[in-house]
Amino acid sequence: MNFLRKHWYDIGALLVILILAFVCLDVNRLSHYRLLMWLSLVSLLLHQLEEYRIAGTFPS
């Protein structure tokens, strides 16, 4: 559980890859609203990754 608490944003980065693969495969079947919601989740996860991992850990 400690690993999950310390690396949840890294797991989010893996989810971004999976979500983008899903969206790319089903882009023709997704409505505009669903596409927007999936891409919104991707942007949220990437923002969290940028704040906590790439920028050098926001909380410290």
PDB file of N, CA and C in Angstrom:
ATOM      1  N   MET A   1       0.813  -1.189   0.000  1.00  0.00           N
ATOM      2  CA  MET A   1       0.000   0.000   0.000  1.00  0.00           C
ATOM      3  C   MET A   1       0.859   1.256   0.000  1.00  0.00           C
ATOM      4  N   ASN A   2       2.039   1.147   0.600  1.00  0.00           N
ATOM      5  CA  ASN A   2       2.950   2.284   0.631  1.00  0.00           C
ATOM      6  C   ASN A   2       3.430   2.631  -0.779  1.00  0.00           C
ATOM      7  N   PHE A   3       3.644   1.596  -1.601  1.00  0.00           N
ATOM      8  CA  PHE A   3       4.051   1.832  -2.991  1.00  0.00           C
ATOM      9  C   PHE A   3       2.984   2.618  -3.738  1.00  0.00           C
ATOM     10  N   LEU A   4       1.735   2.243  -3.544  1.00  0.00           N
ATOM     11  CA  LEU A   4       0.634   2.933  -4.211  1.00  0.00           C
ATOM     12  C   LEU A   4       0.536   4.386  -3.759  1.00  0.00           C
ATOM     13  N   ARG A   5       0.747   4.632  -2.490  1.00  0.00           N
ATOM     14  CA  ARG A   5       0.680   5.992  -1.965  1.00  0.00           C
ATOM     15  C   ARG A   5       1.806   6.864  -2.525  1.00  0.00           C
ATOM     16  N   LYS A   6       2.972   6.283  -2.726  1.00  0.00           N
ATOM     17  CA  LYS A   6       4.115   7.055  -3.202  1.00  0.00           C
ATOM     18  C   LYS A   6       4.191   7.172  -4.717  1.00  0.00           C
ATOM     19  N   HIS A   7       3.505   6.285  -5.466  1.00  0.00           N
ATOM     20  CA  HIS A   7       3.661   6.255  -6.918  1.00  0.00           C
ATOM     21  C   HIS A   7       2.338   6.247  -7.673  1.00  0.00           C
ATOM     22  N   TRP A   8       1.272   6.822  -7.117  1.00  0.00           N
ATOM     23  CA  TRP A   8      -0.022   6.820  -7.789  1.00  0.00           C
ATOM     24  C   TRP A   8       0.025   7.604  -9.089  1.00  0.00           C
ATOM     25  N   TYR A   9       0.837   8.638  -9.163  1.00  0.00           N
ATOM     26  CA  TYR A   9       0.940   9.440 -10.379  1.00  0.00           C
ATOM     27  C   TYR A   9       1.676   8.685 -11.479  1.00  0.00           C
ATOM     28  N   ASP A  10       2.596   7.805 -11.124  1.00  0.00           N
ATOM     29  CA  ASP A  10       3.261   6.963 -12.123  1.00  0.00           C
ATOM     30  C   ASP A  10       2.288   5.937 -12.696  1.00  0.00           C
ATOM     31  N   ILE A  11       1.432   5.398 -11.855  1.00  0.00           N
ATOM     32  CA  ILE A  11       0.402   4.473 -12.319  1.00  0.00           C
ATOM     33  C   ILE A  11      -0.563   5.205 -13.237  1.00  0.00           C
ATOM     34  N   GLY A  12      -0.840   6.472 -12.926  1.00  0.00           N
ATOM     35  CA  GLY A  12      -1.676   7.299 -13.799  1.00  0.00           C
ATOM     36  C   GLY A  12      -1.055   7.465 -15.172  1.00  0.00           C
ATOM     37  N   ALA A  13       0.261   7.547 -15.241  1.00  0.00           N
ATOM     38  CA  ALA A  13       0.937   7.669 -16.531  1.00  0.00           C
ATOM     39  C   ALA A  13       0.742   6.404 -17.366  1.00  0.00           C
ATOM     40  N   LEU A  14       0.767   5.257 -16.718  1.00  0.00           N
ATOM     41  CA  LEU A  14       0.492   4.010 -17.434  1.00  0.00           C
ATOM     42  C   LEU A  14      -0.955   3.965 -17.910  1.00  0.00           C
ATOM     43  N   LEU A  15      -1.860   4.474 -17.088  1.00  0.00           N
ATOM     44  CA  LEU A  15      -3.261   4.529 -17.489  1.00  0.00           C
ATOM     45  C   LEU A  15      -3.459   5.452 -18.687  1.00  0.00           C
ATOM     46  N   VAL A  16      -2.679   6.515 -18.765  1.00  0.00           N
ATOM     47  CA  VAL A  16      -2.766   7.424 -19.908  1.00  0.00           C
ATOM     48  C   VAL A  16      -2.466   6.678 -21.195  1.00  0.00           C
ATOM     49  N   ILE A  17      -1.449   5.850 -21.180  1.00  0.00           N
ATOM     50  CA  ILE A  17      -1.085   5.081 -22.369  1.00  0.00           C
ATOM     51  C   ILE A  17      -2.219   4.138 -22.759  1.00  0.00           C
ATOM     52  N   LEU A  18      -2.791   3.464 -21.766  1.00  0.00           N
ATOM     53  CA  LEU A  18      -3.897   2.549 -22.046  1.00  0.00           C
ATOM     54  C   LEU A  18      -5.132   3.285 -22.554  1.00  0.00           C
ATOM     55  N   ILE A  19      -5.452   4.408 -21.951  1.00  0.00           N
ATOM     56  CA  ILE A  19      -6.625   5.180 -22.365  1.00  0.00           C
ATOM     57  C   ILE A  19      -6.448   5.710 -23.779  1.00  0.00           C
ATOM     58  N   LEU A  20      -5.266   6.229 -24.086  1.00  0.00           N
ATOM     59  CA  LEU A  20      -5.033   6.745 -25.438  1.00  0.00           C
ATOM     60  C   LEU A  20      -5.080   5.636 -26.475  1.00  0.00           C
ATOM     61  N   ALA A  21      -4.606   4.458 -26.135  1.00  0.00           N
ATOM     62  CA  ALA A  21      -4.705   3.324 -27.057  1.00  0.00           C
ATOM     63  C   ALA A  21      -6.166   2.960 -27.289  1.00  0.00           C
ATOM     64  N   PHE A  22      -6.954   2.933 -26.222  1.00  0.00           N
ATOM     65  CA  PHE A  22      -8.380   2.654 -26.335  1.00  0.00           C
ATOM     66  C   PHE A  22      -9.081   3.705 -27.192  1.00  0.00           C
ATOM     67  N   VAL A  23      -8.775   4.955 -26.959  1.00  0.00           N
ATOM     68  CA  VAL A  23      -9.413   6.040 -27.722  1.00  0.00           C
ATOM     69  C   VAL A  23      -9.016   5.969 -29.192  1.00  0.00           C
ATOM     70  N   CYS A  24      -7.756   5.691 -29.467  1.00  0.00           N
ATOM     71  CA  CYS A  24      -7.319   5.602 -30.861  1.00  0.00           C
ATOM     72  C   CYS A  24      -7.994   4.449 -31.596  1.00  0.00           C
ATOM     73  N   LEU A  25      -8.229   3.353 -30.907  1.00  0.00           N
ATOM     74  CA  LEU A  25      -8.869   2.205 -31.544  1.00  0.00           C
ATOM     75  C   LEU A  25     -10.367   2.406 -31.751  1.00  0.00           C
ATOM     76  N   ASP A  26     -11.017   3.125 -30.851  1.00  0.00           N
ATOM     77  CA  ASP A  26     -12.469   3.281 -30.904  1.00  0.00           C
ATOM     78  C   ASP A  26     -12.912   4.705 -31.205  1.00  0.00           C
ATOM     79  N   VAL A  27     -12.060   5.502 -31.812  1.00  0.00           N
ATOM     80  CA  VAL A  27     -12.397   6.915 -32.025  1.00  0.00           C
ATOM     81  C   VAL A  27     -13.630   7.075 -32.912  1.00  0.00           C
ATOM     82  N   ASN A  28     -13.852   6.171 -33.842  1.00  0.00           N
ATOM     83  CA  ASN A  28     -15.015   6.297 -34.727  1.00  0.00           C
ATOM     84  C   ASN A  28     -16.323   5.928 -34.028  1.00  0.00           C
ATOM     85  N   ARG A  29     -16.249   5.096 -32.995  1.00  0.00           N
ATOM     86  CA  ARG A  29     -17.460   4.675 -32.290  1.00  0.00           C
ATOM     87  C   ARG A  29     -17.803   5.574 -31.108  1.00  0.00           C
ATOM     88  N   LEU A  30     -16.868   6.390 -30.662  1.00  0.00           N
ATOM     89  CA  LEU A  30     -17.109   7.248 -29.512  1.00  0.00           C
ATOM     90  C   LEU A  30     -17.872   8.503 -29.934  1.00  0.00           C
ATOM     91  N   SER A  31     -18.824   8.893 -29.112  1.00  0.00           N
ATOM     92  CA  SER A  31     -19.499  10.164 -29.370  1.00  0.00           C
ATOM     93  C   SER A  31     -18.531  11.296 -29.023  1.00  0.00           C
ATOM     94  N   HIS A  32     -18.874  12.481 -29.452  1.00  0.00           N
ATOM     95  CA  HIS A  32     -18.004  13.632 -29.167  1.00  0.00           C
ATOM     96  C   HIS A  32     -17.876  13.864 -27.664  1.00  0.00           C
ATOM     97  N   TYR A  33     -18.974  13.671 -26.948  1.00  0.00           N
ATOM     98  CA  TYR A  33     -18.955  13.863 -25.499  1.00  0.00           C
ATOM     99  C   TYR A  33     -18.046  12.838 -24.815  1.00  0.00           C
ATOM    100  N   ARG A  34     -18.164  11.573 -25.189  1.00  0.00           N
ATOM    101  CA  ARG A  34     -17.316  10.537 -24.576  1.00  0.00           C
ATOM    102  C   ARG A  34     -15.845  10.757 -24.917  1.00  0.00           C
ATOM    103  N   LEU A  35     -15.582  11.164 -26.134  1.00  0.00           N
ATOM    104  CA  LEU A  35     -14.208  11.464 -26.521  1.00  0.00           C
ATOM    105  C   LEU A  35     -13.649  12.602 -25.666  1.00  0.00           C
ATOM    106  N   LEU A  36     -14.451  13.623 -25.470  1.00  0.00           N
ATOM    107  CA  LEU A  36     -14.035  14.755 -24.645  1.00  0.00           C
ATOM    108  C   LEU A  36     -13.781  14.317 -23.203  1.00  0.00           C
ATOM    109  N   MET A  37     -14.618  13.448 -22.673  1.00  0.00           N
ATOM    110  CA  MET A  37     -14.442  12.981 -21.298  1.00  0.00           C
ATOM    111  C   MET A  37     -13.183  12.134 -21.146  1.00  0.00           C
ATOM    112  N   TRP A  38     -12.904  11.258 -22.104  1.00  0.00           N
ATOM    113  CA  TRP A  38     -11.675  10.450 -22.034  1.00  0.00           C
ATOM    114  C   TRP A  38     -10.439  11.345 -22.132  1.00  0.00           C
ATOM    115  N   LEU A  39     -10.471  12.308 -23.045  1.00  0.00           N
ATOM    116  CA  LEU A  39      -9.316  13.199 -23.194  1.00  0.00           C
ATOM    117  C   LEU A  39      -9.163  14.122 -21.991  1.00  0.00           C
ATOM    118  N   SER A  40     -10.265  14.459 -21.349  1.00  0.00           N
ATOM    119  CA  SER A  40     -10.198  15.254 -20.124  1.00  0.00           C
ATOM    120  C   SER A  40      -9.519  14.468 -19.008  1.00  0.00           C
ATOM    121  N   LEU A  41      -9.843  13.185 -18.892  1.00  0.00           N
ATOM    122  CA  LEU A  41      -9.181  12.341 -17.904  1.00  0.00           C
ATOM    123  C   LEU A  41      -7.694  12.225 -18.201  1.00  0.00           C
ATOM    124  N   VAL A  42      -7.345  12.084 -19.466  1.00  0.00           N
ATOM    125  CA  VAL A  42      -5.933  12.017 -19.858  1.00  0.00           C
ATOM    126  C   VAL A  42      -5.216  13.300 -19.453  1.00  0.00           C
ATOM    127  N   SER A  43      -5.830  14.443 -19.704  1.00  0.00           N
ATOM    128  CA  SER A  43      -5.184  15.702 -19.352  1.00  0.00           C
ATOM    129  C   SER A  43      -5.026  15.844 -17.840  1.00  0.00           C
ATOM    130  N   LEU A  44      -6.005  15.372 -17.069  1.00  0.00           N
ATOM    131  CA  LEU A  44      -5.896  15.417 -15.609  1.00  0.00           C
ATOM    132  C   LEU A  44      -4.752  14.539 -15.124  1.00  0.00           C
ATOM    133  N   LEU A  45      -4.664  13.323 -15.644  1.00  0.00           N
ATOM    134  CA  LEU A  45      -3.594  12.420 -15.226  1.00  0.00           C
ATOM    135  C   LEU A  45      -2.219  12.943 -15.629  1.00  0.00           C
ATOM    136  N   LEU A  46      -2.119  13.520 -16.812  1.00  0.00           N
ATOM    137  CA  LEU A  46      -0.842  14.097 -17.237  1.00  0.00           C
ATOM    138  C   LEU A  46      -0.469  15.318 -16.403  1.00  0.00           C
ATOM    139  N   HIS A  47      -1.453  16.101 -16.014  1.00  0.00           N
ATOM    140  CA  HIS A  47      -1.183  17.252 -15.157  1.00  0.00           C
ATOM    141  C   HIS A  47      -0.659  16.797 -13.794  1.00  0.00           C
ATOM    142  N   GLN A  48      -1.266  15.754 -13.228  1.00  0.00           N
ATOM    143  CA  GLN A  48      -0.801  15.242 -11.946  1.00  0.00           C
ATOM    144  C   GLN A  48       0.619  14.685 -12.065  1.00  0.00           C
ATOM    145  N   LEU A  49       0.902  14.003 -13.160  1.00  0.00           N
ATOM    146  CA  LEU A  49       2.252  13.488 -13.386  1.00  0.00           C
ATOM    147  C   LEU A  49       3.247  14.638 -13.473  1.00  0.00           C
ATOM    148  N   GLU A  50       2.867  15.681 -14.170  1.00  0.00           N
ATOM    149  CA  GLU A  50       3.762  16.834 -14.319  1.00  0.00           C
ATOM    150  C   GLU A  50       3.998  17.520 -12.980  1.00  0.00           C
ATOM    151  N   GLU A  51       2.976  17.650 -12.163  1.00  0.00           N
ATOM    152  CA  GLU A  51       3.112  18.320 -10.868  1.00  0.00           C
ATOM    153  C   GLU A  51       3.948  17.513  -9.887  1.00  0.00           C
ATOM    154  N   TYR A  52       3.742  16.208  -9.844  1.00  0.00           N
ATOM    155  CA  TYR A  52       4.369  15.403  -8.801  1.00  0.00           C
ATOM    156  C   TYR A  52       5.642  14.692  -9.228  1.00  0.00           C
ATOM    157  N   ARG A  53       5.827  14.363 -10.497  1.00  0.00           N
ATOM    158  CA  ARG A  53       7.005  13.617 -10.913  1.00  0.00           C
ATOM    159  C   ARG A  53       7.970  14.476 -11.725  1.00  0.00           C
ATOM    160  N   ILE A  54       7.506  15.067 -12.792  1.00  0.00           N
ATOM    161  CA  ILE A  54       8.397  15.747 -13.733  1.00  0.00           C
ATOM    162  C   ILE A  54       8.972  17.036 -13.144  1.00  0.00           C
ATOM    163  N   ALA A  55       8.151  17.800 -12.462  1.00  0.00           N
ATOM    164  CA  ALA A  55       8.597  19.089 -11.929  1.00  0.00           C
ATOM    165  C   ALA A  55       9.416  18.935 -10.644  1.00  0.00           C
ATOM    166  N   GLY A  56       9.533  17.745 -10.145  1.00  0.00           N
ATOM    167  CA  GLY A  56      10.367  17.525  -8.970  1.00  0.00           C
ATOM    168  C   GLY A  56       9.588  17.466  -7.672  1.00  0.00           C
ATOM    169  N   THR A  57       8.483  16.829  -7.675  1.00  0.00           N
ATOM    170  CA  THR A  57       7.591  16.607  -6.542  1.00  0.00           C
ATOM    171  C   THR A  57       7.073  17.903  -5.938  1.00  0.00           C
ATOM    172  N   PHE A  58       5.853  18.219  -6.288  1.00  0.00           N
ATOM    173  CA  PHE A  58       5.159  19.420  -5.832  1.00  0.00           C
ATOM    174  C   PHE A  58       5.083  19.541  -4.312  1.00  0.00           C
ATOM    175  N   PRO A  59       4.749  18.460  -3.566  1.00  0.00           N
ATOM    176  CA  PRO A  59       4.566  18.628  -2.120  1.00  0.00           C
ATOM    177  C   PRO A  59       5.812  19.088  -1.374  1.00  0.00           C
ATOM    178  N   SER A  60       6.978  18.718  -1.836  1.00  0.00           N
ATOM    179  CA  SER A  60       8.180  19.124  -1.098  1.00  0.00           C
ATOM    180  C   SER A  60       8.552  20.540  -1.454  1.00  0.00           C
TER     181      SER A  60
END
